[in-house]
Amino acid sequence: MANKRLLSLDILRGLTVAGMILVNNPGTWSCIYAPLRHAEWHGLTPTDLVFPFFMFIMGVSTYFSLRKYNFSFSWPAFWKIVRRSVLIVLIGWAIAWFAMLLRGIANPEMSTLEAIFSFNRIRILGVLPRLGICYGVAAMVGICVNHKWLSWIIGAMLIVYTLLLFFGNGFEFSDRNVISIVDHKVLGANHMYADTIDGVTLKFDPEGLLSTLPSIAHCMIGFLCGGMIVRIKDNEKRALNLFIIGSILTFCGLLLSYGIPINKKIWSPTFVFTTCGMASTLLGLLIWIIDIQGQKRWCTFFEVFGVNPLFLYALSSVLAILFGFISFPCSGTETGFASIHTLIYKFFLLPICCEDATLASCLYAIIFVLINWAIGLPLYKKKIYIKL
């Protein structure tokens, strides 16, 4: 049974991708239901779970993919890891450049040539670059280091990072924060994300360089759970072990949060423990529901996202950019034109929702998820898997 594909893995992957697309594409950022918002600084919301859940399941999948190399270093394995890591990072950069290009074209004060070569303002880090880096490092460790040392490596990484946070003002949202200082020195302010908390706006990247360290540990925890799933042949024991691991990690994260706050934007060690624990528990629950109880009729929607996760996530980012750029003549706007996004949200959903902006914003996000699902459905039916 170890070699039999677990549908629950695809479903968890699909749940997280659909969730990432949902929370990233509201009708308006000013009106969002509370569960669909990120915690402003310390704290945890349902939205804060989708990215770390995907990071966890990427670690699990990495273990599966490296089995054919017997977890030993070889040049084919090395180049496969490098190619995939670089490709994911480059796709992230290409999407960031594409957004800058279209904004430049829409700016009457900027020439097309300036828009094309607007590399000096591209955000270097982000979701896809972080995924590429974490996958690459975790996979390299997986083929170069004896797996009995992985728990020690994860522990050392999180302890070092915790010390950096304590002695580097890491729990402050300020320009004195060591995470911000490193990013400003290495990346430069023009290549960083701008965030606003309590009316204060700073260049503070939630996928910063220094906070990539605990993200790698996060992926490696998923890697270890993948190893447990492969070694144990019985699904009931797999589910039980995942429940136990999840309970321990979640309890540790919540207990330690009294001294080390749970914070996604700095990817605090307690955020790692808590979200890995929850992801492990959810995976155990899905194995029990889907692979043991055989309740699969509801799975197709999420399986569409789960078999082509990174492709559909990247596609959703491109579509979001295009929906905000492509415009049509419209008499109800100041410029006489309205983007696809505006047409759907302002002129279609708002009237239907009786001007309830929050409801309309949520419905827009759901429609956007369904559009991406409709694109992924024929790929799923034809068993076309686009691996990034």
Protein backbone atom coordinates (compact mmCIF):
# COMPACT_ATOMS: atom_id res chain seq x y z
CA MET A 1 0.00 0.00 0.00
CA ALA A 2 3.00 2.29 0.39
CA ASN A 3 3.32 2.59 -3.35
CA LYS A 4 -0.40 3.19 -3.86
CA ARG A 5 -1.18 6.84 -4.44
CA LEU A 6 -2.98 8.43 -1.52
CA LEU A 7 -5.86 10.52 -2.80
CA SER A 8 -5.86 12.41 0.48
CA LEU A 9 -2.49 13.98 -0.40
CA ASP A 10 -3.89 15.42 -3.62
CA ILE A 11 -6.99 16.64 -1.81
CA LEU A 12 -5.00 18.45 0.89
CA ARG A 13 -2.80 19.97 -1.80
CA GLY A 14 -5.89 21.01 -3.75
CA LEU A 15 -7.56 22.47 -0.64
CA THR A 16 -4.56 24.67 0.04
CA VAL A 17 -4.19 25.87 -3.57
CA ALA A 18 -7.90 26.68 -3.83
CA GLY A 19 -7.60 28.47 -0.48
CA MET A 20 -4.57 30.47 -1.62
CA ILE A 21 -6.40 31.60 -4.76
CA LEU A 22 -9.52 32.47 -2.75
CA VAL A 23 -7.81 34.69 -0.17
CA ASN A 24 -5.55 36.38 -2.73
CA ASN A 25 -8.35 37.58 -4.99
CA PRO A 26 -11.18 39.42 -3.19
CA GLY A 27 -13.41 41.85 -5.03
CA THR A 28 -11.95 44.64 -2.92
CA TRP A 29 -9.27 44.55 -0.25
CA SER A 30 -11.18 47.06 1.87
CA CYS A 31 -14.14 44.73 2.50
CA ILE A 32 -13.21 41.15 3.44
CA TYR A 33 -14.77 38.76 5.94
CA ALA A 34 -12.53 38.34 9.01
CA PRO A 35 -11.62 34.64 8.39
CA LEU A 36 -10.38 35.60 4.91
CA ARG A 37 -7.91 38.17 6.26
CA HIS A 38 -4.35 37.54 7.40
CA ALA A 39 -3.57 38.34 11.01
CA GLU A 40 -2.28 41.90 11.02
CA TRP A 41 0.83 40.94 13.04
CA HIS A 42 0.75 38.40 15.90
CA GLY A 43 -2.03 35.81 15.76
CA LEU A 44 -3.49 33.21 13.43
CA THR A 45 -6.50 33.22 11.13
CA PRO A 46 -7.78 30.52 8.73
CA THR A 47 -6.16 32.49 5.91
CA ASP A 48 -2.77 32.18 7.60
CA LEU A 49 -3.00 28.39 7.30
CA VAL A 50 -3.16 27.93 3.53
CA PHE A 51 0.45 28.78 2.62
CA PRO A 52 2.10 26.80 5.46
CA PHE A 53 -0.19 23.85 4.74
CA PHE A 54 1.05 23.86 1.16
CA MET A 55 4.65 24.11 2.39
CA PHE A 56 4.05 21.08 4.63
CA ILE A 57 2.50 18.98 1.87
CA MET A 58 5.33 20.00 -0.47
CA GLY A 59 7.73 18.47 2.06
CA VAL A 60 5.68 15.26 2.15
CA SER A 61 5.66 15.08 -1.67
CA THR A 62 9.40 15.76 -1.79
CA TYR A 63 10.04 12.60 0.21
CA PHE A 64 7.93 10.59 -2.24
CA SER A 65 9.69 12.05 -5.29
CA LEU A 66 13.19 11.33 -3.95
CA ARG A 67 12.55 7.64 -3.24
CA LYS A 68 13.53 6.68 -6.77
CA TYR A 69 17.02 8.08 -6.07
CA ASN A 70 17.21 6.05 -2.85
CA PHE A 71 17.88 9.33 -1.02
CA SER A 72 21.47 9.24 -2.24
CA PHE A 73 23.33 11.98 -4.03
CA SER A 74 23.57 11.54 -7.78
CA TRP A 75 23.98 14.03 -10.57
CA PRO A 76 20.54 13.23 -12.09
CA ALA A 77 18.92 13.89 -8.70
CA PHE A 78 21.02 17.03 -8.17
CA TRP A 79 20.13 18.54 -11.54
CA LYS A 80 16.45 17.65 -11.20
CA ILE A 81 16.28 19.48 -7.87
CA VAL A 82 18.19 22.49 -9.21
CA ARG A 83 16.08 22.71 -12.37
CA ARG A 84 12.80 22.55 -10.47
CA SER A 85 13.91 25.05 -7.82
CA VAL A 86 15.17 27.56 -10.37
CA LEU A 87 12.07 27.12 -12.54
CA ILE A 88 9.70 27.88 -9.65
CA VAL A 89 11.73 30.96 -8.67
CA LEU A 90 11.90 32.20 -12.27
CA ILE A 91 8.15 31.79 -12.73
CA GLY A 92 7.62 33.88 -9.60
CA TRP A 93 9.93 36.59 -10.97
CA ALA A 94 8.26 36.46 -14.40
CA ILE A 95 4.83 37.02 -12.87
CA ALA A 96 6.15 39.93 -10.81
CA TRP A 97 7.75 41.43 -13.95
CA PHE A 98 4.53 40.93 -15.94
CA ALA A 99 2.57 42.89 -13.33
CA MET A 100 5.15 45.68 -13.42
CA LEU A 101 5.08 45.69 -17.23
CA LEU A 102 1.31 46.16 -17.43
CA ARG A 103 1.34 48.85 -14.74
CA GLY A 104 4.07 50.62 -16.70
CA ILE A 105 2.12 50.39 -19.95
CA ALA A 106 -0.94 51.84 -18.21
CA ASN A 107 1.15 54.74 -16.89
CA PRO A 108 1.10 57.58 -19.45
CA GLU A 109 4.31 59.02 -17.97
CA MET A 110 6.28 55.83 -18.68
CA SER A 111 7.42 54.65 -22.10
CA THR A 112 6.92 51.05 -23.21
CA LEU A 113 10.69 50.53 -23.15
CA GLU A 114 10.88 51.75 -19.56
CA ALA A 115 8.04 49.41 -18.64
CA ILE A 116 9.79 46.43 -20.23
CA PHE A 117 13.03 47.09 -18.37
CA SER A 118 11.49 47.98 -15.00
CA PHE A 119 13.61 45.39 -13.21
CA ASN A 120 14.75 47.89 -10.58
CA ARG A 121 11.32 47.76 -8.92
CA ILE A 122 10.46 44.05 -9.06
CA ARG A 123 9.81 42.27 -5.78
CA ILE A 124 12.48 39.57 -5.58
CA LEU A 125 10.87 37.36 -2.98
CA GLY A 126 7.29 36.10 -2.69
CA VAL A 127 5.27 32.92 -2.49
CA LEU A 128 6.73 31.12 -5.52
CA PRO A 129 10.37 32.11 -4.86
CA ARG A 130 10.00 30.92 -1.26
CA LEU A 131 8.53 27.62 -2.43
CA GLY A 132 11.38 27.16 -4.90
CA ILE A 133 14.07 27.91 -2.33
CA CYS A 134 12.54 25.74 0.41
CA TYR A 135 11.97 22.82 -1.93
CA GLY A 136 15.54 23.05 -3.25
CA VAL A 137 17.21 23.17 0.16
CA ALA A 138 14.99 20.50 1.74
CA ALA A 139 15.45 18.17 -1.23
CA MET A 140 19.23 18.65 -1.25
CA VAL A 141 19.39 17.87 2.47
CA GLY A 142 17.21 14.83 1.78
CA ILE A 143 19.74 13.31 -0.62
CA CYS A 144 22.92 14.48 1.11
CA VAL A 145 22.28 13.96 4.83
CA ASN A 146 21.42 10.82 6.78
CA HIS A 147 17.77 11.16 7.71
CA LYS A 148 18.44 10.34 11.37
CA TRP A 149 19.98 13.83 11.66
CA LEU A 150 17.05 15.73 10.14
CA SER A 151 15.22 16.28 13.43
CA TRP A 152 18.40 17.72 14.94
CA ILE A 153 18.92 19.98 11.95
CA ILE A 154 15.33 21.23 12.14
CA GLY A 155 15.69 21.89 15.87
CA ALA A 156 18.99 23.74 15.39
CA MET A 157 17.54 25.93 12.63
CA LEU A 158 14.54 26.91 14.75
CA ILE A 159 16.65 27.57 17.86
CA VAL A 160 19.08 29.79 15.93
CA TYR A 161 16.19 31.67 14.35
CA THR A 162 14.50 32.14 17.73
CA LEU A 163 17.69 33.65 19.15
CA LEU A 164 17.93 35.99 16.17
CA LEU A 165 14.36 37.14 16.80
CA PHE A 166 14.94 37.72 20.51
CA PHE A 167 18.19 39.63 20.11
CA GLY A 168 17.28 41.38 16.85
CA ASN A 169 13.91 42.95 17.73
CA GLY A 170 12.34 40.27 15.57
CA PHE A 171 8.88 40.57 17.13
CA GLU A 172 8.58 44.30 16.34
CA PHE A 173 7.02 45.70 13.21
CA SER A 174 9.70 48.32 12.75
CA ASP A 175 12.79 49.17 10.75
CA ARG A 176 14.85 47.92 13.73
CA ASN A 177 13.66 44.37 13.10
CA VAL A 178 16.59 42.14 12.08
CA ILE A 179 14.46 40.58 9.33
CA SER A 180 13.80 43.99 7.80
CA ILE A 181 17.42 45.08 8.24
CA VAL A 182 18.75 42.02 6.37
CA ASP A 183 16.27 42.46 3.52
CA HIS A 184 17.06 46.16 3.15
CA LYS A 185 20.80 45.46 3.10
CA VAL A 186 20.67 42.49 0.70
CA LEU A 187 17.61 43.14 -1.48
CA GLY A 188 17.04 46.88 -1.25
CA ALA A 189 13.77 48.64 -0.44
CA ASN A 190 12.65 48.75 -4.10
CA HIS A 191 12.57 44.95 -4.22
CA MET A 192 10.54 44.44 -1.03
CA TYR A 193 6.87 44.19 -0.13
CA ALA A 194 5.30 47.19 1.60
CA ASP A 195 3.05 46.41 4.55
CA THR A 196 0.81 48.58 6.72
CA ILE A 197 0.02 47.80 10.36
CA ASP A 198 -1.81 50.20 12.71
CA GLY A 199 -1.47 52.96 10.15
CA VAL A 200 2.31 52.52 9.85
CA THR A 201 3.64 51.57 6.41
CA LEU A 202 7.05 49.93 6.09
CA LYS A 203 8.97 47.95 3.54
CA PHE A 204 8.70 44.62 5.35
CA ASP A 205 8.65 41.43 3.31
CA PRO A 206 6.61 38.54 4.78
CA GLU A 207 8.68 36.19 2.61
CA GLY A 208 11.99 37.76 3.59
CA LEU A 209 15.44 36.22 3.36
CA LEU A 210 15.96 35.55 7.07
CA SER A 211 12.46 34.13 7.60
CA THR A 212 13.18 31.62 4.84
CA LEU A 213 15.24 29.68 7.42
CA PRO A 214 12.23 28.49 9.48
CA SER A 215 10.31 27.94 6.23
CA ILE A 216 12.95 25.41 5.19
CA ALA A 217 12.56 23.70 8.58
CA HIS A 218 8.80 23.74 7.96
CA CYS A 219 9.24 21.89 4.66
CA MET A 220 11.61 19.40 6.31
CA ILE A 221 8.99 18.55 8.96
CA GLY A 222 6.68 17.66 6.07
CA PHE A 223 9.54 15.60 4.61
CA LEU A 224 9.83 13.58 7.83
CA CYS A 225 6.07 13.00 7.87
CA GLY A 226 6.33 11.79 4.28
CA GLY A 227 8.91 9.26 5.45
CA MET A 228 6.59 8.03 8.17
CA ILE A 229 3.75 7.61 5.65
CA VAL A 230 5.97 5.53 3.34
CA ARG A 231 7.37 3.30 6.10
CA ILE A 232 3.95 2.49 7.58
CA LYS A 233 1.91 0.36 5.17
CA ASP A 234 -1.45 0.48 6.95
CA ASN A 235 -3.61 3.58 6.43
CA GLU A 236 -5.15 3.37 9.89
CA LYS A 237 -1.72 3.46 11.51
CA ARG A 238 -0.70 6.28 9.15
CA ALA A 239 -3.72 8.33 10.20
CA LEU A 240 -3.13 7.59 13.90
CA ASN A 241 0.54 8.59 13.71
CA LEU A 242 -0.34 11.82 11.86
CA PHE A 243 -2.91 12.62 14.57
CA ILE A 244 -0.29 12.03 17.28
CA ILE A 245 2.38 14.09 15.49
CA GLY A 246 -0.15 16.83 14.80
CA SER A 247 -1.32 16.96 18.41
CA ILE A 248 2.24 17.18 19.76
CA LEU A 249 3.32 19.89 17.32
CA THR A 250 0.16 21.96 17.77
CA PHE A 251 0.37 21.71 21.57
CA CYS A 252 4.05 22.75 21.52
CA GLY A 253 3.30 25.69 19.23
CA LEU A 254 0.41 26.98 21.33
CA LEU A 255 2.28 26.47 24.62
CA LEU A 256 5.44 28.21 23.42
CA SER A 257 3.41 31.06 21.92
CA TYR A 258 3.25 32.67 25.38
CA GLY A 259 6.92 33.56 24.93
CA ILE A 260 7.33 33.30 21.15
CA PRO A 261 4.24 34.77 19.47
CA ILE A 262 2.65 32.98 16.52
CA ASN A 263 3.34 35.25 13.57
CA LYS A 264 3.15 34.38 9.88
CA LYS A 265 4.93 37.51 8.66
CA ILE A 266 8.11 36.57 10.47
CA TRP A 267 7.35 32.81 10.17
CA SER A 268 8.02 32.39 13.88
CA PRO A 269 9.00 28.93 15.22
CA THR A 270 5.63 28.68 17.00
CA PHE A 271 3.95 29.38 13.65
CA VAL A 272 5.96 26.46 12.23
CA PHE A 273 4.94 24.08 15.02
CA THR A 274 1.28 25.09 15.11
CA THR A 275 0.64 25.05 11.37
CA CYS A 276 2.64 21.86 10.77
CA GLY A 277 0.67 20.26 13.59
CA MET A 278 -2.64 21.35 12.11
CA ALA A 279 -1.60 20.22 8.63
CA SER A 280 -0.53 16.81 9.96
CA THR A 281 -3.85 16.44 11.80
CA LEU A 282 -5.84 17.44 8.72
CA LEU A 283 -3.90 15.01 6.54
CA GLY A 284 -4.61 12.22 9.06
CA LEU A 285 -8.31 13.15 9.00
CA LEU A 286 -8.39 13.12 5.19
CA ILE A 287 -6.68 9.70 5.08
CA TRP A 288 -9.35 8.40 7.45
CA ILE A 289 -12.26 9.93 5.49
CA ILE A 290 -11.00 9.27 1.95
CA ASP A 291 -8.55 6.38 1.96
CA ILE A 292 -10.05 4.35 4.83
CA GLN A 293 -13.77 5.16 4.77
CA GLY A 294 -13.83 5.57 0.97
CA GLN A 295 -15.79 8.84 1.04
CA LYS A 296 -14.54 10.20 -2.29
CA ARG A 297 -17.55 11.65 -4.08
CA TRP A 298 -16.80 15.19 -2.85
CA CYS A 299 -13.12 15.06 -3.81
CA THR A 300 -13.16 15.87 -7.53
CA PHE A 301 -13.31 19.64 -7.13
CA PHE A 302 -10.17 19.77 -4.97
CA GLU A 303 -8.41 16.99 -6.89
CA VAL A 304 -8.47 19.23 -9.99
CA PHE A 305 -6.32 21.73 -8.08
CA GLY A 306 -4.30 19.01 -6.35
CA VAL A 307 -2.92 17.33 -9.48
CA ASN A 308 -1.73 20.62 -11.07
CA PRO A 309 -1.16 22.79 -7.99
CA LEU A 310 1.69 25.13 -8.91
CA PHE A 311 0.51 25.52 -12.51
CA LEU A 312 -2.99 26.59 -11.42
CA TYR A 313 -1.61 28.85 -8.69
CA ALA A 314 0.72 30.57 -11.16
CA LEU A 315 -2.10 30.78 -13.71
CA SER A 316 -4.37 32.41 -11.13
CA SER A 317 -1.72 35.07 -10.52
CA VAL A 318 -1.48 35.83 -14.24
CA LEU A 319 -5.28 35.91 -14.62
CA ALA A 320 -5.60 38.28 -11.65
CA ILE A 321 -3.15 40.66 -13.33
CA LEU A 322 -5.00 40.45 -16.66
CA PHE A 323 -8.42 40.90 -15.02
CA GLY A 324 -7.15 44.14 -13.51
CA PHE A 325 -5.57 45.38 -16.77
CA ILE A 326 -7.85 44.39 -19.67
CA SER A 327 -10.55 47.06 -19.95
CA PHE A 328 -13.73 47.64 -21.92
CA PRO A 329 -15.72 50.83 -22.65
CA CYS A 330 -17.99 51.62 -19.72
CA SER A 331 -20.01 54.76 -19.13
CA GLY A 332 -20.17 54.37 -15.36
CA THR A 333 -16.51 55.19 -14.68
CA GLU A 334 -14.40 58.35 -14.70
CA THR A 335 -12.15 57.15 -17.53
CA GLY A 336 -14.92 55.63 -19.61
CA PHE A 337 -13.34 52.19 -19.28
CA ALA A 338 -13.65 49.40 -16.73
CA SER A 339 -11.43 46.37 -16.14
CA ILE A 340 -12.80 42.83 -16.12
CA HIS A 341 -12.37 42.88 -12.34
CA THR A 342 -14.40 46.09 -12.01
CA LEU A 343 -17.12 44.90 -14.38
CA ILE A 344 -17.64 41.67 -12.42
CA TYR A 345 -17.37 43.15 -8.94
CA LYS A 346 -18.82 46.66 -9.22
CA PHE A 347 -21.34 46.38 -12.03
CA PHE A 348 -22.50 42.77 -11.59
CA LEU A 349 -21.98 41.50 -8.04
CA LEU A 350 -22.56 44.69 -6.03
CA PRO A 351 -26.08 45.26 -7.44
CA ILE A 352 -26.94 41.57 -6.95
CA CYS A 353 -25.73 41.76 -3.33
CA CYS A 354 -27.76 44.94 -2.64
CA GLU A 355 -24.54 46.97 -2.32
CA ASP A 356 -23.17 44.66 0.38
CA ALA A 357 -19.51 45.17 -0.51
CA THR A 358 -18.19 42.41 1.78
CA LEU A 359 -20.52 39.78 0.35
CA ALA A 360 -19.81 40.91 -3.21
CA SER A 361 -16.07 40.80 -2.52
CA CYS A 362 -16.36 37.22 -1.23
CA LEU A 363 -18.49 36.13 -4.20
CA TYR A 364 -15.91 37.60 -6.58
CA ALA A 365 -13.18 35.52 -4.94
CA ILE A 366 -15.33 32.37 -5.22
CA ILE A 367 -16.08 33.07 -8.90
CA PHE A 368 -12.36 33.58 -9.53
CA VAL A 369 -11.59 30.21 -7.93
CA LEU A 370 -14.25 28.57 -10.13
CA ILE A 371 -12.76 30.14 -13.27
CA ASN A 372 -9.38 28.61 -12.45
CA TRP A 373 -11.04 25.29 -11.62
CA ALA A 374 -12.81 25.31 -15.00
CA ILE A 375 -9.42 25.72 -16.70
CA GLY A 376 -7.92 22.87 -14.67
CA LEU A 377 -10.87 20.51 -15.18
CA PRO A 378 -10.09 19.43 -18.79
CA LEU A 379 -6.44 18.89 -17.79
CA TYR A 380 -7.64 16.66 -14.95
CA LYS A 381 -10.02 14.70 -17.19
CA LYS A 382 -7.33 14.16 -19.82
CA LYS A 383 -4.77 13.25 -17.12
CA ILE A 384 -2.49 16.10 -18.17
CA TYR A 385 -0.19 16.95 -15.28
CA ILE A 386 1.89 20.10 -15.73
CA LYS A 387 4.77 19.73 -13.30
CA LEU A 388 6.61 22.84 -12.20
